[in-house]
Amino acid sequence: MAGATEALALWRALLGPERVLTDDATLARYAASTSSWSTRPCAILRPRSTAEVAQVARLATAHRVPLYPISAGRNWGYGDACALTDGHAIVDLSGMNRILEVDATLAYVVIEPGVTQRQLSRHLIEHDLPLWMDCTGAGPDTSLMGNILERGFGHSPYGNRFQNVASMELVLADGEVVHTGFGHYASSVNRRVYPYGVGPYVDGLFTQSNMGIVTSLGLWLMPKTEALNHFLCMVDEHARIAPVIDALRPLRLDGTLRSILHIGNDLRIISGGTTYPRELAGGKVPLPDAVRAQLRAAAGVGAWAVSGALYGSNAQVAAARRALRKALAPTAARVQFLDERKLDLAERMARMLGATGPGRRLAAKVALGRSLFEMNRGIPNGRFLAGAYWRRRGGLPPGFPADANPALDNCGMLWVSPVLPMRGADLLRVHALAEPIFRTHGFDLFVTFSMINERALGGVLTIAYDKEDPAETERARLCYRQVFETMMGAGYIPYRVGLQSMADLDDGNDSYWRMVGRIKRALDPANVIAPGRYSQRAPE
């Protein structure tokens, strides 16, 4: 404690008392979590420059106070703004929110950790730049860098986000500032166009790790395309999704489909438009089959929906539509293509139908289509956070999705995120492993599988639960644990994990994690940066 007291005094001298916060209300806000597992920090530090981050790190190392860096603290479903254990000083980098450079010719941007999806999107639009950023459904106020460093993915052809990073600036535990790629050569003019530099490629060490604190990075953006179509495929029966995956895989492999496709089950889509219907379901969990069928019919969805976008010239998009129709013809998928002309026509028709049932359903579909088009062009929309509120007793908060914050809104949500080969049989197997576990514990299985590259599906299995119900919260913990262990045992290792599962990645006899431990000890011998985060299991 003496070390922490001394460090806090020095941090206040460095940053000013207004940027070193220890009051109970602030600490409680940072301890809020969508998971049933949260921790309380000892302080919140708010540096505004790389130089300040370096000084913060030096003092932490000198006084052996653990730091936990966050970009915006919106790591929904995986830990939010929480550290692994109590007593960390949270290094909140959201005040470092400058867009340092935009190059329209070479289509890249240089950003700090606090730059949000909304901020970059607006910057590109307001400056009339012919560029689109890749966007996720996590909400407008989430950090771009935070998601990138977790190796998250979005929607567009640039959706494999870390793959589009060129040169980082980062701070090590001793306060040394390092530039990766070609960035450490002062004369380099190529640092943003070639990511690897010369010599060992180390950027990956600073994703999903605790090796250092990234303070800026270069990110490639997508040039605007002449044409953009969105497509939706509905599949009525569960088992019939497998042939659809197998039909789409060759188109992903040969580049016909360049964007990240998302395959969601009926509940994933339904939960985007409504919360758990307690009265209709008679309070039963999971949803009774008859109620689920009723909700599915009202939403006009099948057992599965496939969603994606086509980009390019008019001729390229037309060719991709033809290839997609041909590939899906032998399957049960019904494909629909959306463009803005069709959305405008549907919107006029919905206004003509007014408040009738068909009018409301059509208006809802138009609103969804508009949101999807915005996402495909890098304009974030908070409506896709609605699933986090499925079991929240108060439903969606007033004004949703404006300022939505599932952690502060007391939503319960845990994510298990296995990666699987892009084969229909694997999708069905993962679903078959997870579904009975969810049902046993009384939860609805929300699931999305995304074609995160040309060969892999990234799954997100969502446990949405009522945090105000202690028994349900405990069931959520048990469900999460069983699903996580089942996926690991079946070989579907997750691409990212929540804080509660960090220690489970290393069985104590894994040469990979031993190597990671050696690198960590070399870079951070005092183990002050996020101890335990994606690291070798500590000896017992």
Protein backbone atom coordinates (compact mmCIF):
# COMPACT_ATOMS: atom_id res chain seq x y z
CA MET A 1 0.00 0.00 0.00
CA ALA A 2 2.90 2.36 0.71
CA GLY A 3 4.05 2.02 -2.89
CA ALA A 4 0.57 2.86 -4.17
CA THR A 5 0.32 5.91 -1.90
CA GLU A 6 3.66 7.23 -3.14
CA ALA A 7 2.78 6.50 -6.78
CA LEU A 8 -0.57 8.29 -6.46
CA ALA A 9 1.14 11.40 -5.08
CA LEU A 10 3.62 11.40 -7.95
CA TRP A 11 0.90 10.74 -10.55
CA ARG A 12 -1.07 13.71 -9.17
CA ALA A 13 2.01 15.88 -9.49
CA LEU A 14 2.43 14.67 -13.08
CA LEU A 15 -1.17 14.74 -14.34
CA GLY A 16 -2.89 17.05 -11.88
CA PRO A 17 -5.46 15.94 -9.29
CA GLU A 18 -8.32 16.24 -11.78
CA ARG A 19 -6.80 13.41 -13.85
CA VAL A 20 -5.99 11.05 -10.97
CA LEU A 21 -9.34 9.94 -9.57
CA THR A 22 -9.93 7.83 -6.48
CA ASP A 23 -13.45 8.78 -5.41
CA ASP A 24 -15.90 5.94 -4.78
CA ALA A 25 -18.38 6.94 -7.47
CA THR A 26 -15.75 6.96 -10.21
CA LEU A 27 -14.18 3.69 -9.07
CA ALA A 28 -17.63 2.06 -8.98
CA ARG A 29 -18.35 3.23 -12.52
CA TYR A 30 -15.17 1.62 -13.82
CA ALA A 31 -15.99 -1.56 -11.89
CA ALA A 32 -19.35 -1.90 -13.67
CA SER A 33 -19.41 -4.93 -15.93
CA THR A 34 -21.76 -6.86 -18.15
CA SER A 35 -20.19 -10.03 -16.78
CA SER A 36 -20.90 -11.53 -13.38
CA TRP A 37 -17.23 -11.03 -12.58
CA SER A 38 -15.85 -7.55 -11.91
CA THR A 39 -12.99 -5.91 -10.01
CA ARG A 40 -12.46 -2.59 -8.30
CA PRO A 41 -9.48 -0.37 -9.24
CA CYS A 42 -7.42 1.69 -6.82
CA ALA A 43 -7.34 4.74 -9.09
CA ILE A 44 -8.16 6.06 -12.54
CA LEU A 45 -5.33 7.77 -14.41
CA ARG A 46 -6.09 9.90 -17.47
CA PRO A 47 -2.96 10.75 -19.44
CA ARG A 48 -3.29 12.85 -22.59
CA SER A 49 -0.01 12.21 -24.36
CA THR A 50 2.53 9.50 -25.03
CA ALA A 51 5.01 11.34 -22.83
CA GLU A 52 2.57 11.22 -19.92
CA VAL A 53 1.89 7.53 -20.50
CA ALA A 54 5.65 6.91 -20.39
CA GLN A 55 5.96 8.73 -17.07
CA VAL A 56 2.94 6.87 -15.66
CA ALA A 57 4.58 3.56 -16.61
CA ARG A 58 7.96 4.51 -15.12
CA LEU A 59 6.36 5.43 -11.80
CA ALA A 60 4.26 2.26 -11.77
CA THR A 61 7.35 0.14 -12.31
CA ALA A 62 9.34 2.03 -9.67
CA HIS A 63 6.60 1.60 -7.06
CA ARG A 64 5.30 -1.82 -8.20
CA VAL A 65 1.71 -0.66 -8.78
CA PRO A 66 -0.14 -2.68 -11.46
CA LEU A 67 -1.57 -0.75 -14.38
CA TYR A 68 -4.47 -1.74 -16.58
CA PRO A 69 -4.70 0.28 -19.82
CA ILE A 70 -8.06 0.75 -21.53
CA SER A 71 -8.99 2.68 -24.65
CA ALA A 72 -12.63 3.46 -23.89
CA GLY A 73 -13.58 0.68 -21.46
CA ARG A 74 -16.30 -0.76 -23.68
CA ASN A 75 -15.04 -4.29 -24.03
CA TRP A 76 -18.62 -5.58 -23.77
CA GLY A 77 -19.04 -9.22 -22.81
CA TYR A 78 -15.32 -9.77 -22.16
CA GLY A 79 -14.56 -7.59 -19.14
CA ASP A 80 -15.62 -4.03 -20.01
CA ALA A 81 -13.27 -1.60 -18.17
CA CYS A 82 -12.23 -4.04 -15.45
CA ALA A 83 -8.74 -5.33 -14.67
CA LEU A 84 -8.12 -8.96 -13.75
CA THR A 85 -7.91 -8.31 -10.02
CA ASP A 86 -8.69 -5.55 -7.53
CA GLY A 87 -6.20 -2.80 -6.88
CA HIS A 88 -5.01 -1.91 -10.38
CA ALA A 89 -4.65 1.68 -11.52
CA ILE A 90 -6.74 1.97 -14.66
CA VAL A 91 -4.93 3.92 -17.36
CA ASP A 92 -7.85 5.45 -19.24
CA LEU A 93 -6.57 6.51 -22.66
CA SER A 94 -9.88 7.91 -23.90
CA GLY A 95 -8.53 11.46 -23.54
CA MET A 96 -5.89 10.64 -26.15
CA ASN A 97 -8.38 11.02 -28.98
CA ARG A 98 -6.59 12.79 -31.79
CA ILE A 99 -6.74 11.80 -35.43
CA LEU A 100 -3.08 12.49 -36.12
CA GLU A 101 -2.99 12.06 -39.88
CA VAL A 102 -5.24 11.19 -42.80
CA ASP A 103 -3.80 10.39 -46.23
CA ALA A 104 -6.56 10.25 -48.83
CA THR A 105 -4.17 9.21 -51.61
CA LEU A 106 -2.78 6.15 -49.85
CA ALA A 107 -6.00 5.56 -47.84
CA TYR A 108 -4.76 5.43 -44.28
CA VAL A 109 -5.27 7.21 -40.97
CA VAL A 110 -3.16 7.51 -37.82
CA ILE A 111 -5.18 7.43 -34.60
CA GLU A 112 -4.76 7.51 -30.84
CA PRO A 113 -6.52 5.05 -28.48
CA GLY A 114 -9.45 7.30 -27.62
CA VAL A 115 -10.61 7.83 -31.21
CA THR A 116 -14.10 6.37 -31.44
CA GLN A 117 -15.94 4.86 -34.36
CA ARG A 118 -18.27 7.86 -34.47
CA GLN A 119 -15.38 10.33 -34.38
CA LEU A 120 -13.47 8.86 -37.31
CA SER A 121 -16.63 8.30 -39.33
CA ARG A 122 -17.69 11.93 -38.90
CA HIS A 123 -14.20 13.17 -39.70
CA LEU A 124 -14.19 11.34 -43.03
CA ILE A 125 -17.67 12.60 -43.89
CA GLU A 126 -17.12 16.21 -42.79
CA HIS A 127 -13.88 16.46 -44.75
CA ASP A 128 -15.52 14.82 -47.77
CA LEU A 129 -12.80 12.21 -47.98
CA PRO A 130 -13.32 9.33 -50.44
CA LEU A 131 -12.69 6.74 -47.72
CA TRP A 132 -14.69 4.38 -45.55
CA MET A 133 -13.55 2.92 -42.26
CA ASP A 134 -14.48 -0.57 -41.17
CA CYS A 135 -17.20 -0.57 -38.53
CA THR A 136 -18.35 -2.99 -35.83
CA GLY A 137 -21.76 -3.29 -34.20
CA ALA A 138 -20.41 -2.48 -30.72
CA GLY A 139 -21.69 1.09 -30.85
CA PRO A 140 -20.53 4.55 -31.99
CA ASP A 141 -18.65 5.37 -28.78
CA THR A 142 -16.36 2.34 -28.77
CA SER A 143 -12.65 2.75 -29.44
CA LEU A 144 -11.28 1.67 -32.81
CA MET A 145 -7.93 0.81 -31.29
CA GLY A 146 -9.41 -1.13 -28.39
CA ASN A 147 -11.15 -3.48 -30.81
CA ILE A 148 -8.13 -3.73 -33.09
CA LEU A 149 -5.84 -4.70 -30.21
CA GLU A 150 -8.30 -7.44 -29.27
CA ARG A 151 -8.14 -8.58 -32.92
CA GLY A 152 -11.82 -7.85 -33.39
CA PHE A 153 -13.56 -7.82 -36.75
CA GLY A 154 -16.14 -5.73 -38.53
CA HIS A 155 -18.14 -5.95 -41.74
CA SER A 156 -16.32 -4.64 -44.78
CA PRO A 157 -13.49 -6.06 -46.93
CA TYR A 158 -11.23 -4.39 -44.35
CA GLY A 159 -13.05 -6.17 -41.54
CA ASN A 160 -10.06 -8.26 -40.43
CA ARG A 161 -8.92 -5.11 -38.67
CA PHE A 162 -5.47 -5.96 -37.29
CA GLN A 163 -4.47 -7.10 -40.78
CA ASN A 164 -4.75 -3.43 -41.82
CA VAL A 165 -2.44 -1.92 -39.19
CA ALA A 166 0.86 -0.37 -40.27
CA SER A 167 3.29 0.78 -37.55
CA MET A 168 2.47 1.30 -33.90
CA GLU A 169 3.79 3.66 -31.27
CA LEU A 170 3.91 2.03 -27.86
CA VAL A 171 5.23 2.49 -24.35
CA LEU A 172 7.06 -0.27 -22.48
CA ALA A 173 6.92 -0.79 -18.73
CA ASP A 174 10.16 1.14 -18.16
CA GLY A 175 8.75 4.12 -20.04
CA GLU A 176 10.68 3.60 -23.26
CA VAL A 177 8.76 4.62 -26.39
CA VAL A 178 9.04 2.22 -29.34
CA HIS A 179 7.88 2.54 -32.96
CA THR A 180 7.29 -0.69 -34.86
CA GLY A 181 7.55 -1.51 -38.54
CA PHE A 182 9.64 1.11 -40.32
CA GLY A 183 8.53 3.72 -37.79
CA HIS A 184 11.72 3.60 -35.73
CA TYR A 185 13.70 5.02 -38.67
CA ALA A 186 13.27 8.79 -38.47
CA SER A 187 13.71 9.14 -42.23
CA SER A 188 11.11 6.54 -43.19
CA VAL A 189 8.42 7.62 -45.63
CA ASN A 190 7.02 4.09 -45.91
CA ARG A 191 5.96 3.30 -42.35
CA ARG A 192 2.21 3.47 -43.11
CA VAL A 193 2.22 1.50 -46.34
CA TYR A 194 4.20 -1.63 -45.40
CA PRO A 195 3.44 -3.10 -41.98
CA TYR A 196 6.34 -5.48 -41.41
CA GLY A 197 9.36 -3.20 -41.48
CA VAL A 198 12.69 -5.00 -41.54
CA GLY A 199 13.71 -7.60 -38.98
CA PRO A 200 11.37 -9.45 -36.61
CA TYR A 201 7.71 -8.47 -36.94
CA VAL A 202 6.65 -7.71 -33.36
CA ASP A 203 3.32 -5.88 -33.69
CA GLY A 204 1.32 -8.98 -32.83
CA LEU A 205 3.03 -9.11 -29.42
CA PHE A 206 1.07 -6.02 -28.45
CA THR A 207 -2.37 -7.39 -29.34
CA GLN A 208 -4.21 -9.51 -26.79
CA SER A 209 -1.27 -9.09 -24.46
CA ASN A 210 0.22 -7.16 -21.57
CA MET A 211 3.60 -6.36 -23.14
CA GLY A 212 3.13 -2.60 -23.49
CA ILE A 213 0.70 0.28 -23.94
CA VAL A 214 -0.09 1.23 -27.55
CA THR A 215 -0.49 5.00 -27.94
CA SER A 216 -1.04 5.34 -31.70
CA LEU A 217 -1.20 3.26 -34.84
CA GLY A 218 -1.65 3.55 -38.57
CA LEU A 219 -4.83 2.02 -39.98
CA TRP A 220 -5.63 1.40 -43.64
CA LEU A 221 -9.03 2.60 -44.84
CA MET A 222 -11.16 1.43 -47.72
CA PRO A 223 -11.59 3.63 -50.81
CA LYS A 224 -15.24 4.36 -51.51
CA THR A 225 -16.64 2.12 -54.21
CA GLU A 226 -18.90 2.95 -57.12
CA ALA A 227 -21.50 0.41 -56.08
CA LEU A 228 -22.62 -1.16 -52.80
CA ASN A 229 -25.28 -3.83 -52.44
CA HIS A 230 -26.32 -5.58 -49.26
CA PHE A 231 -27.68 -9.09 -49.41
CA LEU A 232 -29.73 -11.16 -47.01
CA CYS A 233 -30.38 -14.90 -47.16
CA MET A 234 -33.06 -16.53 -45.07
CA VAL A 235 -32.95 -20.24 -44.25
CA ASP A 236 -36.13 -21.64 -42.72
CA GLU A 237 -34.80 -24.88 -41.21
CA HIS A 238 -31.85 -25.16 -38.85
CA ALA A 239 -29.98 -28.04 -40.54
CA ARG A 240 -30.22 -26.40 -43.96
CA ILE A 241 -27.71 -23.70 -43.03
CA ALA A 242 -24.82 -26.18 -43.50
CA PRO A 243 -25.09 -26.41 -47.32
CA VAL A 244 -25.30 -22.62 -47.46
CA ILE A 245 -21.95 -22.29 -45.68
CA ASP A 246 -20.39 -24.82 -48.01
CA ALA A 247 -21.81 -22.99 -51.04
CA LEU A 248 -20.48 -19.60 -49.90
CA ARG A 249 -17.01 -20.79 -48.93
CA PRO A 250 -15.65 -21.00 -52.53
CA LEU A 251 -16.87 -17.45 -53.16
CA ARG A 252 -15.02 -16.26 -50.08
CA LEU A 253 -11.90 -18.18 -51.10
CA ASP A 254 -11.79 -16.84 -54.67
CA GLY A 255 -12.49 -13.23 -53.66
CA THR A 256 -16.00 -12.92 -55.09
CA LEU A 257 -17.18 -12.21 -51.54
CA ARG A 258 -14.69 -9.80 -50.01
CA SER A 259 -16.62 -8.55 -47.00
CA ILE A 260 -17.10 -10.34 -43.70
CA LEU A 261 -20.37 -12.26 -43.83
CA HIS A 262 -22.45 -12.73 -40.69
CA ILE A 263 -24.68 -15.76 -40.09
CA GLY A 264 -27.10 -15.23 -37.22
CA ASN A 265 -29.78 -17.48 -35.76
CA ASP A 266 -33.35 -16.32 -35.33
CA LEU A 267 -32.92 -15.21 -31.72
CA ARG A 268 -29.89 -13.10 -32.59
CA ILE A 269 -32.01 -11.19 -35.07
CA ILE A 270 -35.15 -11.05 -32.91
CA SER A 271 -33.16 -9.70 -29.96
CA GLY A 272 -32.09 -6.77 -32.13
CA GLY A 273 -35.64 -5.52 -32.24
CA THR A 274 -37.18 -6.45 -28.89
CA THR A 275 -36.35 -7.58 -25.37
CA TYR A 276 -37.44 -10.78 -23.65
CA PRO A 277 -41.27 -10.89 -23.74
CA ARG A 278 -41.87 -11.80 -20.09
CA GLU A 279 -45.64 -11.62 -20.25
CA LEU A 280 -45.96 -13.51 -23.53
CA ALA A 281 -43.56 -16.21 -22.32
CA GLY A 282 -45.20 -16.45 -18.92
CA GLY A 283 -41.78 -15.81 -17.38
CA LYS A 284 -40.46 -19.14 -18.69
CA VAL A 285 -36.83 -19.47 -19.75
CA PRO A 286 -35.61 -20.31 -22.24
CA LEU A 287 -38.35 -19.07 -24.56
CA PRO A 288 -41.05 -21.69 -25.13
CA ASP A 289 -40.91 -23.03 -28.69
CA ALA A 290 -44.36 -21.66 -29.52
CA VAL A 291 -43.40 -18.15 -28.39
CA ARG A 292 -40.14 -18.34 -30.31
CA ALA A 293 -42.04 -19.37 -33.45
CA GLN A 294 -44.45 -16.48 -32.93
CA LEU A 295 -41.60 -13.97 -32.61
CA ARG A 296 -39.89 -15.45 -35.65
CA ALA A 297 -43.03 -15.07 -37.75
CA ALA A 298 -43.57 -11.49 -36.56
CA ALA A 299 -40.00 -10.57 -37.48
CA GLY A 300 -40.23 -12.35 -40.83
CA VAL A 301 -37.07 -14.37 -40.27
CA GLY A 302 -36.12 -18.00 -40.64
CA ALA A 303 -34.01 -20.24 -38.46
CA TRP A 304 -30.90 -18.52 -39.85
CA ALA A 305 -30.07 -15.37 -41.75
CA VAL A 306 -26.90 -14.65 -43.74
CA SER A 307 -25.93 -11.01 -44.15
CA GLY A 308 -23.16 -9.47 -46.24
CA ALA A 309 -22.23 -6.73 -48.66
CA LEU A 310 -20.92 -6.54 -52.22
CA TYR A 311 -18.46 -3.79 -53.10
CA GLY A 312 -16.86 -2.60 -56.33
CA SER A 313 -17.78 -1.14 -59.68
CA ASN A 314 -21.30 -1.60 -61.01
CA ALA A 315 -20.00 -4.41 -63.22
CA GLN A 316 -18.16 -6.12 -60.35
CA VAL A 317 -21.19 -6.00 -58.07
CA ALA A 318 -23.47 -7.30 -60.84
CA ALA A 319 -21.06 -10.19 -61.45
CA ALA A 320 -20.93 -10.97 -57.74
CA ARG A 321 -24.75 -11.02 -57.58
CA ARG A 322 -24.86 -13.52 -60.43
CA ALA A 323 -22.22 -15.72 -58.79
CA LEU A 324 -24.04 -15.60 -55.47
CA ARG A 325 -27.39 -16.55 -57.00
CA LYS A 326 -25.78 -19.44 -58.88
CA ALA A 327 -23.95 -20.75 -55.81
CA LEU A 328 -27.04 -20.62 -53.61
CA ALA A 329 -29.49 -22.01 -56.16
CA PRO A 330 -29.09 -25.66 -55.00
CA THR A 331 -29.54 -24.64 -51.32
CA ALA A 332 -32.57 -23.66 -49.28
CA ALA A 333 -31.41 -20.04 -48.97
CA ARG A 334 -33.64 -17.30 -50.31
CA VAL A 335 -31.37 -14.40 -51.29
CA GLN A 336 -32.47 -10.78 -51.49
CA PHE A 337 -30.34 -7.86 -52.66
CA LEU A 338 -30.77 -4.40 -51.25
CA ASP A 339 -29.63 -1.12 -52.68
CA GLU A 340 -30.64 2.40 -51.75
CA ARG A 341 -33.16 2.62 -54.57
CA LYS A 342 -35.02 -0.39 -53.19
CA LEU A 343 -34.85 1.00 -49.65
CA ASP A 344 -36.30 4.34 -50.81
CA LEU A 345 -39.16 2.52 -52.58
CA ALA A 346 -39.85 0.33 -49.52
CA GLU A 347 -39.83 3.39 -47.26
CA ARG A 348 -42.46 5.11 -49.41
CA MET A 349 -44.57 1.97 -49.37
CA ALA A 350 -44.28 1.68 -45.58
CA ARG A 351 -45.51 5.26 -45.21
CA MET A 352 -48.48 4.47 -47.45
CA LEU A 353 -49.36 1.40 -45.35
CA GLY A 354 -49.09 3.48 -42.18
CA ALA A 355 -49.71 1.93 -38.77
CA THR A 356 -51.07 -1.35 -40.14
CA GLY A 357 -49.32 -4.59 -39.30
CA PRO A 358 -47.69 -4.90 -42.72
CA GLY A 359 -46.72 -1.22 -42.61
CA ARG A 360 -44.99 -1.56 -39.25
CA ARG A 361 -43.15 -4.71 -40.33
CA LEU A 362 -41.99 -3.08 -43.55
CA ALA A 363 -40.89 0.07 -41.72
CA ALA A 364 -38.87 -2.07 -39.29
CA LYS A 365 -37.17 -3.86 -42.18
CA VAL A 366 -36.37 -0.54 -43.87
CA ALA A 367 -34.84 0.76 -40.63
CA LEU A 368 -32.71 -2.39 -40.38
CA GLY A 369 -31.66 -2.03 -44.01
CA ARG A 370 -30.64 1.59 -43.47
CA SER A 371 -28.57 0.59 -40.44
CA LEU A 372 -26.86 -2.19 -42.39
CA PHE A 373 -26.02 0.16 -45.24
CA GLU A 374 -24.54 2.65 -42.80
CA MET A 375 -22.45 -0.06 -41.17
CA ASN A 376 -21.17 -1.23 -44.55
CA ARG A 377 -19.98 2.32 -45.28
CA GLY A 378 -18.35 2.74 -41.89
CA ILE A 379 -21.09 4.72 -40.15
CA PRO A 380 -21.61 3.13 -36.71
CA ASN A 381 -25.07 2.47 -35.37
CA GLY A 382 -25.86 1.55 -31.77
CA ARG A 383 -29.01 -0.41 -32.63
CA PHE A 384 -27.02 -3.63 -32.86
CA LEU A 385 -26.29 -3.38 -29.11
CA ALA A 386 -29.94 -4.19 -28.41
CA GLY A 387 -29.18 -7.87 -27.85
CA ALA A 388 -27.26 -6.97 -24.69
CA TYR A 389 -30.54 -5.78 -23.15
CA TRP A 390 -32.52 -8.98 -23.85
CA ARG A 391 -32.94 -9.99 -20.20
CA ARG A 392 -32.66 -6.51 -18.65
CA ARG A 393 -35.78 -5.97 -16.55
CA GLY A 394 -36.19 -2.39 -17.68
CA GLY A 395 -35.85 -3.33 -21.34
CA LEU A 396 -34.22 -0.84 -23.65
CA PRO A 397 -33.40 2.47 -21.93
CA PRO A 398 -35.16 5.68 -23.02
CA GLY A 399 -33.67 7.10 -26.17
CA PHE A 400 -31.88 3.89 -27.12
CA PRO A 401 -29.50 3.58 -28.90
CA ALA A 402 -28.22 7.06 -28.00
CA ASP A 403 -25.53 6.83 -25.29
CA ALA A 404 -26.15 3.11 -24.78
CA ASN A 405 -23.77 1.58 -22.23
CA PRO A 406 -24.66 -2.03 -21.35
CA ALA A 407 -22.29 -2.09 -18.35
CA LEU A 408 -23.71 1.04 -16.71
CA ASP A 409 -27.24 -0.01 -17.73
CA ASN A 410 -26.80 -3.20 -15.67
CA CYS A 411 -27.07 -5.62 -18.58
CA GLY A 412 -25.92 -9.19 -18.09
CA MET A 413 -23.95 -10.59 -21.00
CA LEU A 414 -21.16 -13.16 -21.41
CA TRP A 415 -19.58 -14.15 -24.70
CA VAL A 416 -17.90 -17.38 -25.75
CA SER A 417 -16.15 -16.90 -29.08
CA PRO A 418 -14.90 -20.11 -30.70
CA VAL A 419 -13.14 -20.17 -34.07
CA LEU A 420 -14.08 -23.03 -36.40
CA PRO A 421 -13.21 -24.14 -39.91
CA MET A 422 -15.54 -22.69 -42.51
CA ARG A 423 -17.56 -25.86 -42.98
CA GLY A 424 -21.27 -26.30 -42.52
CA ALA A 425 -20.71 -29.46 -40.48
CA ASP A 426 -18.57 -27.55 -37.97
CA LEU A 427 -21.21 -24.85 -37.57
CA LEU A 428 -23.85 -27.47 -36.80
CA ARG A 429 -21.51 -29.27 -34.42
CA VAL A 430 -20.71 -26.13 -32.41
CA HIS A 431 -24.41 -25.31 -32.22
CA ALA A 432 -25.22 -28.89 -31.15
CA LEU A 433 -22.58 -28.74 -28.41
CA ALA A 434 -23.78 -25.40 -27.06
CA GLU A 435 -27.57 -25.56 -27.37
CA PRO A 436 -28.30 -28.24 -24.73
CA ILE A 437 -26.01 -26.48 -22.25
CA PHE A 438 -27.87 -23.20 -22.74
CA ARG A 439 -31.21 -24.97 -22.43
CA THR A 440 -30.19 -26.87 -19.28
CA HIS A 441 -29.26 -23.62 -17.55
CA GLY A 442 -32.36 -21.80 -18.78
CA PHE A 443 -30.88 -19.45 -21.41
CA ASP A 444 -31.71 -18.59 -24.98
CA LEU A 445 -28.85 -19.30 -27.36
CA PHE A 446 -28.02 -16.20 -29.36
CA VAL A 447 -25.36 -17.07 -31.88
CA THR A 448 -23.57 -15.40 -34.76
CA PHE A 449 -20.95 -16.98 -36.98
CA SER A 450 -18.87 -14.58 -39.06
CA MET A 451 -16.66 -15.38 -42.04
CA ILE A 452 -13.72 -13.53 -40.51
CA ASN A 453 -11.33 -14.59 -43.25
CA GLU A 454 -11.41 -16.90 -46.26
CA ARG A 455 -11.24 -20.11 -44.23
CA ALA A 456 -12.57 -19.50 -40.72
CA LEU A 457 -15.81 -18.75 -38.94
CA GLY A 458 -15.69 -16.71 -35.77
CA GLY A 459 -18.53 -17.62 -33.46
CA VAL A 460 -20.07 -15.45 -30.77
CA LEU A 461 -22.30 -17.40 -28.38
CA THR A 462 -24.12 -14.94 -26.14
CA ILE A 463 -25.40 -15.67 -22.65
CA ALA A 464 -27.80 -12.81 -21.90
CA TYR A 465 -29.03 -12.87 -18.31
CA ASP A 466 -30.82 -10.83 -15.65
CA LYS A 467 -28.17 -9.35 -13.35
CA GLU A 468 -30.85 -8.44 -10.80
CA ASP A 469 -31.61 -12.13 -10.24
CA PRO A 470 -28.85 -13.77 -8.13
CA ALA A 471 -29.95 -17.29 -9.07
CA GLU A 472 -29.94 -16.44 -12.78
CA THR A 473 -26.55 -14.77 -12.43
CA GLU A 474 -25.14 -17.93 -10.89
CA ARG A 475 -26.66 -20.03 -13.68
CA ALA A 476 -25.03 -17.70 -16.21
CA ARG A 477 -21.63 -18.33 -14.61
CA LEU A 478 -22.15 -22.06 -14.72
CA CYS A 479 -23.42 -21.97 -18.30
CA TYR A 480 -20.46 -19.89 -19.42
CA ARG A 481 -17.99 -22.20 -17.72
CA GLN A 482 -19.51 -25.33 -19.24
CA VAL A 483 -19.74 -23.87 -22.74
CA PHE A 484 -16.18 -22.53 -22.57
CA GLU A 485 -14.77 -25.88 -21.40
CA THR A 486 -16.82 -27.77 -23.99
CA MET A 487 -15.53 -25.63 -26.85
CA MET A 488 -11.94 -25.90 -25.65
CA GLY A 489 -12.27 -29.67 -25.27
CA ALA A 490 -13.74 -30.04 -28.76
CA GLY A 491 -10.87 -28.06 -30.30
CA TYR A 492 -12.85 -24.90 -31.09
CA ILE A 493 -10.46 -22.57 -29.28
CA PRO A 494 -11.80 -19.02 -28.82
CA TYR A 495 -10.23 -16.09 -30.66
CA ARG A 496 -10.59 -13.89 -27.54
CA VAL A 497 -11.72 -14.51 -23.98
CA GLY A 498 -13.19 -12.72 -21.00
CA LEU A 499 -11.13 -11.86 -17.96
CA GLN A 500 -12.50 -14.82 -16.03
CA SER A 501 -10.96 -17.22 -18.57
CA MET A 502 -7.48 -15.78 -19.00
CA ALA A 503 -5.88 -18.30 -16.64
CA ASP A 504 -7.60 -21.21 -18.41
CA LEU A 505 -5.69 -20.63 -21.65
CA ASP A 506 -2.52 -22.15 -20.19
CA ASP A 507 -2.62 -25.62 -18.67
CA GLY A 508 0.75 -25.02 -17.05
CA ASN A 509 2.57 -27.28 -19.51
CA ASP A 510 2.37 -25.32 -22.77
CA SER A 511 5.60 -24.27 -24.48
CA TYR A 512 3.81 -21.43 -26.28
CA TRP A 513 2.74 -19.76 -23.05
CA ARG A 514 6.17 -20.41 -21.52
CA MET A 515 7.68 -18.46 -24.42
CA VAL A 516 5.14 -15.68 -23.88
CA GLY A 517 6.15 -15.62 -20.22
CA ARG A 518 9.82 -15.22 -21.12
CA ILE A 519 9.05 -12.29 -23.42
CA LYS A 520 6.89 -10.68 -20.74
CA ARG A 521 9.64 -10.98 -18.13
CA ALA A 522 12.12 -9.41 -20.54
CA LEU A 523 9.89 -6.44 -21.34
CA ASP A 524 8.18 -6.00 -17.96
CA PRO A 525 10.26 -7.68 -15.22
CA ALA A 526 8.21 -6.03 -12.47
CA ASN A 527 4.98 -7.35 -14.08
CA VAL A 528 3.14 -4.05 -13.71
CA ILE A 529 1.25 -3.85 -17.03
CA ALA A 530 -2.00 -5.84 -16.79
CA PRO A 531 -0.57 -8.81 -14.85
CA GLY A 532 -2.27 -12.06 -15.86
CA ARG A 533 -3.80 -10.75 -19.07
CA TYR A 534 -3.31 -13.24 -21.93
CA SER A 535 -0.17 -14.55 -20.25
CA GLN A 536 1.54 -17.57 -18.83
CA ARG A 537 -0.30 -19.04 -15.87
CA ALA A 538 1.27 -17.89 -12.62
CA PRO A 539 2.88 -20.71 -10.60
CA GLU A 540 0.75 -21.94 -7.73
